[in-house]
N, C-alpha and C. Protein backbone atom coordinates (compact mmCIF):
# COMPACT_ATOMS: atom_id res chain seq x y z
N GLN A 1 118.38 91.32 102.40
CA GLN A 1 118.36 92.86 103.57
C GLN A 1 117.26 93.57 103.31
N VAL A 2 116.55 93.41 104.85
CA VAL A 2 115.10 94.55 104.80
C VAL A 2 115.14 95.78 104.69
N GLN A 3 114.08 96.25 103.45
CA GLN A 3 114.16 97.76 103.46
C GLN A 3 112.53 97.66 103.84
N PRO A 4 112.31 98.93 104.70
CA PRO A 4 110.83 99.51 104.33
C PRO A 4 110.99 101.08 103.81
N VAL A 5 109.94 100.93 103.53
CA VAL A 5 110.03 102.37 102.11
C VAL A 5 108.53 102.95 102.13
N GLU A 6 108.19 103.94 102.77
CA GLU A 6 106.74 103.96 103.26
C GLU A 6 106.80 105.66 102.52
N SER A 7 105.57 106.04 102.00
CA SER A 7 104.59 106.96 101.12
C SER A 7 103.78 107.37 101.87
N GLY A 8 102.73 108.32 101.36
CA GLY A 8 101.44 108.77 101.56
C GLY A 8 101.83 109.86 102.55
N GLY A 9 102.77 110.22 103.17
CA GLY A 9 102.81 111.66 104.15
C GLY A 9 102.09 112.99 103.33
N GLY A 10 102.51 114.30 103.92
CA GLY A 10 102.01 115.56 103.72
C GLY A 10 101.37 116.49 104.69
N LEU A 11 100.83 117.31 103.56
CA LEU A 11 100.48 118.22 104.88
C LEU A 11 98.70 118.17 104.88
N ALA A 12 98.54 118.22 105.87
CA ALA A 12 96.84 118.35 106.11
C ALA A 12 97.08 119.55 107.36
N GLN A 13 95.27 119.60 107.47
CA GLN A 13 94.27 120.68 108.33
C GLN A 13 94.39 119.87 109.37
N SER A 14 94.12 120.43 111.05
CA SER A 14 93.58 120.17 111.54
C SER A 14 92.71 119.23 111.35
N GLY A 15 91.78 117.94 112.30
CA GLY A 15 91.15 117.78 111.97
C GLY A 15 90.35 116.72 110.42
N GLY A 16 91.66 116.85 109.68
CA GLY A 16 92.41 116.19 108.35
C GLY A 16 92.51 114.19 108.57
N SER A 17 92.85 114.07 107.66
CA SER A 17 93.28 113.32 107.14
C SER A 17 94.31 112.13 106.47
N LEU A 18 94.99 111.39 107.24
CA LEU A 18 95.99 111.27 106.14
C LEU A 18 96.33 109.06 106.46
N ARG A 19 96.25 108.98 104.77
CA ARG A 19 97.00 107.61 105.04
C ARG A 19 98.39 107.55 104.90
N LEU A 20 99.59 106.47 105.82
CA LEU A 20 100.44 105.95 105.19
C LEU A 20 101.18 104.85 104.94
N SER A 21 101.24 104.23 103.89
CA SER A 21 102.49 103.03 103.21
C SER A 21 103.07 102.55 103.89
N CYS A 22 103.63 101.29 104.06
CA CYS A 22 105.19 100.95 103.58
C CYS A 22 105.23 99.76 103.60
N GLU A 23 105.73 99.83 102.16
CA GLU A 23 106.10 98.30 101.92
C GLU A 23 107.20 97.75 102.42
N VAL A 24 107.51 96.34 102.72
CA VAL A 24 109.19 96.45 103.03
C VAL A 24 109.45 94.71 102.28
N SER A 25 110.12 94.90 101.48
CA SER A 25 111.18 94.47 101.14
C SER A 25 112.03 93.84 101.76
N GLY A 26 112.54 91.99 100.88
CA GLY A 26 113.02 91.57 101.61
C GLY A 26 113.02 89.85 101.66
N ARG A 27 114.01 89.84 102.63
CA ARG A 27 112.72 88.70 103.33
C ARG A 27 112.20 89.34 105.13
N ALA A 28 110.97 90.04 104.17
CA ALA A 28 110.43 90.44 105.01
C ALA A 28 109.55 89.16 106.21
N THR A 29 108.94 88.67 105.88
CA THR A 29 108.49 87.49 106.14
C THR A 29 109.34 86.77 107.95
N ASN A 30 110.15 86.75 108.28
CA ASN A 30 111.28 86.77 109.17
C ASN A 30 111.15 87.70 110.07
N PHE A 31 110.59 88.62 109.40
CA PHE A 31 110.68 89.56 110.69
C PHE A 31 108.34 90.41 110.66
N PRO A 32 108.47 89.62 111.33
CA PRO A 32 106.78 89.49 111.36
C PRO A 32 105.89 90.93 112.38
N ASP A 33 106.35 91.82 112.73
CA ASP A 33 105.78 92.26 113.62
C ASP A 33 106.52 94.02 112.74
N MET A 34 105.08 95.17 112.74
CA MET A 34 105.46 96.11 111.36
C MET A 34 104.87 96.96 112.31
N GLY A 35 105.32 98.36 112.18
CA GLY A 35 105.11 99.37 112.61
C GLY A 35 105.54 101.07 112.39
N TRP A 36 104.77 101.80 113.38
CA TRP A 36 105.18 103.14 113.26
C TRP A 36 106.09 103.60 114.18
N PHE A 37 106.70 104.77 114.03
CA PHE A 37 107.43 105.36 115.10
C PHE A 37 107.47 106.96 115.02
N ARG A 38 107.51 108.44 115.28
CA ARG A 38 107.78 109.71 114.96
C ARG A 38 108.70 110.45 115.50
N GLN A 39 108.66 111.16 115.01
CA GLN A 39 109.82 111.70 115.40
C GLN A 39 109.58 113.75 115.10
N ALA A 40 109.61 114.33 116.06
CA ALA A 40 108.94 115.59 116.08
C ALA A 40 109.55 116.46 115.86
N PRO A 41 110.73 117.42 116.60
CA PRO A 41 111.60 118.31 115.15
C PRO A 41 112.13 118.03 117.32
N GLY A 42 113.25 118.56 117.43
CA GLY A 42 114.10 118.77 118.61
C GLY A 42 113.34 117.59 119.19
N LYS A 43 112.58 116.27 119.04
CA LYS A 43 112.33 115.50 120.45
C LYS A 43 112.26 114.19 119.98
N GLU A 44 113.16 113.01 120.80
CA GLU A 44 112.71 111.96 120.72
C GLU A 44 112.21 111.18 119.83
N ARG A 45 112.97 109.56 118.98
CA ARG A 45 111.34 109.17 118.62
C ARG A 45 110.72 108.48 119.61
N THR A 46 108.89 108.34 119.40
CA THR A 46 108.61 108.00 119.61
C THR A 46 107.71 106.69 119.45
N PHE A 47 106.81 105.73 120.50
CA PHE A 47 106.62 105.47 119.54
C PHE A 47 104.89 105.81 118.66
N VAL A 48 104.73 104.55 118.53
CA VAL A 48 102.91 104.56 117.45
C VAL A 48 102.26 103.60 117.63
N ALA A 49 102.32 102.66 117.04
CA ALA A 49 101.92 101.57 116.63
C ALA A 49 102.25 100.56 116.26
N VAL A 50 101.50 99.07 116.49
CA VAL A 50 102.71 98.05 116.42
C VAL A 50 101.27 97.08 115.73
N ILE A 51 101.53 96.12 114.08
CA ILE A 51 100.36 95.37 114.53
C ILE A 51 101.50 93.87 114.27
N ARG A 52 100.99 92.65 114.95
CA ARG A 52 101.45 91.32 114.48
C ARG A 52 101.58 90.72 114.23
N ARG A 53 102.40 90.23 113.23
CA ARG A 53 101.73 89.42 111.93
C ARG A 53 100.82 87.80 112.83
N SER A 54 100.94 87.48 114.00
CA SER A 54 100.16 86.75 114.72
C SER A 54 99.19 86.62 114.73
N GLY A 55 98.19 86.69 114.62
CA GLY A 55 96.73 86.81 115.96
C GLY A 55 96.79 88.71 115.36
N GLY A 56 97.67 89.70 114.18
CA GLY A 56 97.41 90.41 113.61
C GLY A 56 96.89 91.45 115.31
N THR A 57 97.41 91.26 116.35
CA THR A 57 96.89 91.86 117.63
C THR A 57 98.10 93.14 117.39
N THR A 58 97.34 94.09 118.04
CA THR A 58 97.29 95.82 117.63
C THR A 58 98.16 97.04 118.68
N GLU A 59 98.91 97.70 118.75
CA GLU A 59 98.47 98.41 120.16
C GLU A 59 99.23 99.97 119.75
N TYR A 60 98.71 100.83 120.40
CA TYR A 60 98.95 102.06 120.05
C TYR A 60 99.50 102.77 121.40
N ALA A 61 99.86 104.03 120.70
CA ALA A 61 100.99 105.11 122.29
C ALA A 61 99.21 105.72 122.01
N ASP A 62 98.92 106.21 123.48
CA ASP A 62 97.70 106.69 124.71
C ASP A 62 97.97 107.98 123.22
N SER A 63 98.71 108.55 122.44
CA SER A 63 98.49 109.65 122.49
C SER A 63 97.69 109.81 120.59
N VAL A 64 97.69 109.11 120.41
CA VAL A 64 96.72 108.00 119.37
C VAL A 64 95.57 107.18 119.15
N LYS A 65 95.37 106.56 120.48
CA LYS A 65 94.81 105.33 120.18
C LYS A 65 92.88 106.00 119.83
N GLY A 66 92.02 105.80 119.26
CA GLY A 66 90.83 106.82 118.62
C GLY A 66 91.42 107.25 117.72
N ARG A 67 92.12 107.68 117.57
CA ARG A 67 91.96 107.62 116.03
C ARG A 67 93.63 107.98 115.08
N PHE A 68 94.29 107.11 114.91
CA PHE A 68 94.71 106.36 113.98
C PHE A 68 94.63 104.61 114.48
N THR A 69 94.87 104.24 112.90
CA THR A 69 94.38 102.68 113.01
C THR A 69 95.72 101.57 112.01
N ILE A 70 95.86 101.15 112.35
CA ILE A 70 97.48 100.30 111.52
C ILE A 70 96.38 99.05 111.32
N SER A 71 96.87 98.79 109.74
CA SER A 71 96.66 98.00 109.47
C SER A 71 97.83 97.22 108.84
N ARG A 72 97.65 95.98 107.75
CA ARG A 72 98.68 95.35 107.13
C ARG A 72 97.90 94.59 106.05
N ASP A 73 98.51 93.90 105.16
CA ASP A 73 98.61 93.37 104.25
C ASP A 73 99.54 92.32 103.60
N ASN A 74 99.84 91.06 104.78
CA ASN A 74 100.77 89.88 104.71
C ASN A 74 101.31 89.90 103.28
N ALA A 75 99.75 89.10 102.14
CA ALA A 75 100.06 89.35 101.06
C ALA A 75 101.33 90.79 99.93
N LYS A 76 101.64 91.90 100.59
CA LYS A 76 101.67 92.47 99.80
C LYS A 76 102.78 92.89 100.58
N ASN A 77 103.07 92.53 101.96
CA ASN A 77 104.17 92.95 102.84
C ASN A 77 104.06 94.18 103.25
N THR A 78 102.90 94.52 103.39
CA THR A 78 102.52 96.34 103.20
C THR A 78 101.55 96.98 104.80
N VAL A 79 102.32 97.89 105.26
CA VAL A 79 102.01 98.22 107.08
C VAL A 79 101.35 99.03 106.13
N TYR A 80 99.78 100.54 107.01
CA TYR A 80 98.94 101.17 106.99
C TYR A 80 98.86 101.25 107.84
N LEU A 81 99.11 103.00 108.47
CA LEU A 81 98.39 103.77 109.36
C LEU A 81 97.54 104.92 108.73
N GLN A 82 96.55 104.42 109.06
CA GLN A 82 95.46 105.64 108.78
C GLN A 82 95.68 106.43 110.05
N MET A 83 95.57 107.69 110.00
CA MET A 83 95.04 109.13 110.62
C MET A 83 94.26 109.70 110.65
N ASN A 84 93.78 109.89 111.40
CA ASN A 84 92.26 110.31 111.53
C ASN A 84 92.13 111.26 112.38
N SER A 85 91.65 112.71 112.43
CA SER A 85 91.34 113.36 113.28
C SER A 85 92.53 113.91 113.40
N LEU A 86 93.71 114.50 112.71
CA LEU A 86 94.97 115.24 113.09
C LEU A 86 95.19 116.22 113.89
N LYS A 87 95.92 116.14 114.98
CA LYS A 87 96.09 117.00 115.51
C LYS A 87 97.28 117.80 115.17
N PRO A 88 97.71 119.51 115.15
CA PRO A 88 99.05 119.38 115.48
C PRO A 88 99.93 119.37 115.78
N ASP A 89 99.67 119.02 116.63
CA ASP A 89 101.11 117.70 117.78
C ASP A 89 101.03 116.73 116.99
N ASP A 90 100.74 115.85 116.11
CA ASP A 90 101.34 114.68 115.39
C ASP A 90 101.58 115.39 114.42
N THR A 91 102.56 116.67 113.91
CA THR A 91 103.33 116.47 113.24
C THR A 91 104.69 115.87 113.20
N ALA A 92 105.21 115.33 112.41
CA ALA A 92 106.41 114.17 112.21
C ALA A 92 106.74 113.84 111.63
N VAL A 93 108.09 113.10 111.81
CA VAL A 93 108.66 112.44 110.62
C VAL A 93 108.37 111.01 111.50
N TYR A 94 107.46 109.94 110.19
CA TYR A 94 107.17 108.87 110.63
C TYR A 94 107.74 108.05 109.98
N TYR A 95 107.99 107.00 110.65
CA TYR A 95 109.59 105.70 110.26
C TYR A 95 108.36 104.61 110.14
N CYS A 96 108.81 104.11 109.55
CA CYS A 96 108.12 102.44 109.44
C CYS A 96 109.04 101.38 109.66
N VAL A 97 108.99 100.61 110.77
CA VAL A 97 109.47 99.59 111.69
C VAL A 97 109.11 98.53 111.32
N VAL A 98 110.18 97.12 111.62
CA VAL A 98 109.82 96.55 111.29
C VAL A 98 110.86 95.08 112.79
N THR A 99 110.48 94.71 112.76
CA THR A 99 111.11 93.51 114.20
C THR A 99 111.27 92.51 113.89
N ASN A 100 111.38 91.54 114.93
CA ASN A 100 110.58 90.13 115.37
C ASN A 100 111.00 90.07 117.04
N VAL A 101 110.11 89.94 117.31
CA VAL A 101 109.66 89.99 118.52
C VAL A 101 109.37 89.06 118.89
N VAL A 102 109.55 88.29 119.87
CA VAL A 102 109.44 87.03 121.33
C VAL A 102 108.92 87.11 122.11
N GLY A 103 106.90 87.03 122.40
CA GLY A 103 106.68 87.18 123.54
C GLY A 103 106.49 88.65 123.36
N ALA A 104 105.23 88.89 124.68
CA ALA A 104 103.95 90.17 124.46
C ALA A 104 105.52 91.39 125.04
N PRO A 105 105.76 92.61 125.10
CA PRO A 105 106.53 93.12 125.44
C PRO A 105 105.44 94.12 125.99
N SER A 106 105.70 94.37 127.20
CA SER A 106 105.29 95.10 128.29
C SER A 106 104.63 97.16 126.96
N ARG A 107 105.90 97.01 126.43
CA ARG A 107 106.18 98.18 126.49
C ARG A 107 106.51 98.46 124.87
N TRP A 108 106.42 99.29 123.29
CA TRP A 108 107.70 99.34 123.00
C TRP A 108 109.06 99.54 122.73
N THR A 109 109.87 99.78 122.25
CA THR A 109 111.08 101.33 121.96
C THR A 109 111.94 101.03 120.90
N ALA A 110 112.65 102.18 120.67
CA ALA A 110 113.09 101.95 119.46
C ALA A 110 114.27 100.71 119.17
N ASN A 111 115.06 100.50 120.78
CA ASN A 111 116.00 99.49 120.34
C ASN A 111 115.11 98.39 119.48
N MET A 112 113.57 97.73 120.10
CA MET A 112 113.49 96.42 119.87
C MET A 112 114.01 96.19 118.17
N PHE A 113 113.99 97.26 117.42
CA PHE A 113 112.90 97.10 115.47
C PHE A 113 114.29 97.45 114.95
N GLN A 114 115.06 96.30 114.32
CA GLN A 114 116.11 96.07 113.12
C GLN A 114 116.21 97.08 112.12
N TYR A 115 114.73 96.62 112.06
CA TYR A 115 115.46 98.05 110.10
C TYR A 115 114.03 99.34 110.42
N TRP A 116 114.80 100.16 109.99
CA TRP A 116 114.09 101.66 109.27
C TRP A 116 113.73 101.97 108.07
N GLY A 117 112.64 102.78 107.93
CA GLY A 117 112.47 102.93 106.60
C GLY A 117 113.01 104.65 106.88
N GLN A 118 113.34 105.31 105.80
CA GLN A 118 113.83 106.38 105.90
C GLN A 118 112.95 107.67 105.82
N GLY A 119 111.93 107.09 106.13
CA GLY A 119 110.57 108.61 107.83
C GLY A 119 110.05 109.05 106.07
N THR A 120 109.15 109.73 106.38
CA THR A 120 108.08 111.04 105.83
C THR A 120 107.31 111.35 106.18
N GLN A 121 107.67 112.80 105.84
CA GLN A 121 106.84 113.80 106.52
C GLN A 121 105.79 113.74 106.60
N VAL A 122 104.72 114.59 107.80
CA VAL A 122 103.79 113.83 107.94
C VAL A 122 103.46 115.70 108.64
N THR A 123 102.80 116.69 108.66
CA THR A 123 102.86 118.22 108.80
C THR A 123 101.00 118.66 109.09
N VAL A 124 100.79 118.43 110.18
CA VAL A 124 99.47 119.28 110.72
C VAL A 124 99.39 120.55 110.56
N SER A 125 98.55 121.49 109.90
CA SER A 125 98.45 122.56 110.10
C SER A 125 97.48 122.89 111.45
N SER A 126 97.66 124.21 112.12
CA SER A 126 96.17 124.87 112.36
C SER A 126 95.09 125.81 111.61
């Protein structure tokens, strides 16, 4: 069983930074695509970023481009999300996700990801 486990959430001030980590246990090598979604109160889960094992290609939601950076350590089956210049609109529960997608999707949706972590809360105060 593949199980992502997030850590690193918390409270930050507007303009501040946080770094999320997610270690994936189990047969993680069968699921090379790793990423993050988030869900704000009363809203749907939305795509944040993804990093592909093949070539380390990264993609980001427009709302976080230039502020967030996704990276991974394949030896540790761990994915990271460095979040800088945080805004109150970034407040959400952040979920680590894992999947194996063939090809290059034009967009990433929640139903593409087979395994989800339990989520970690990120709160940004103004």
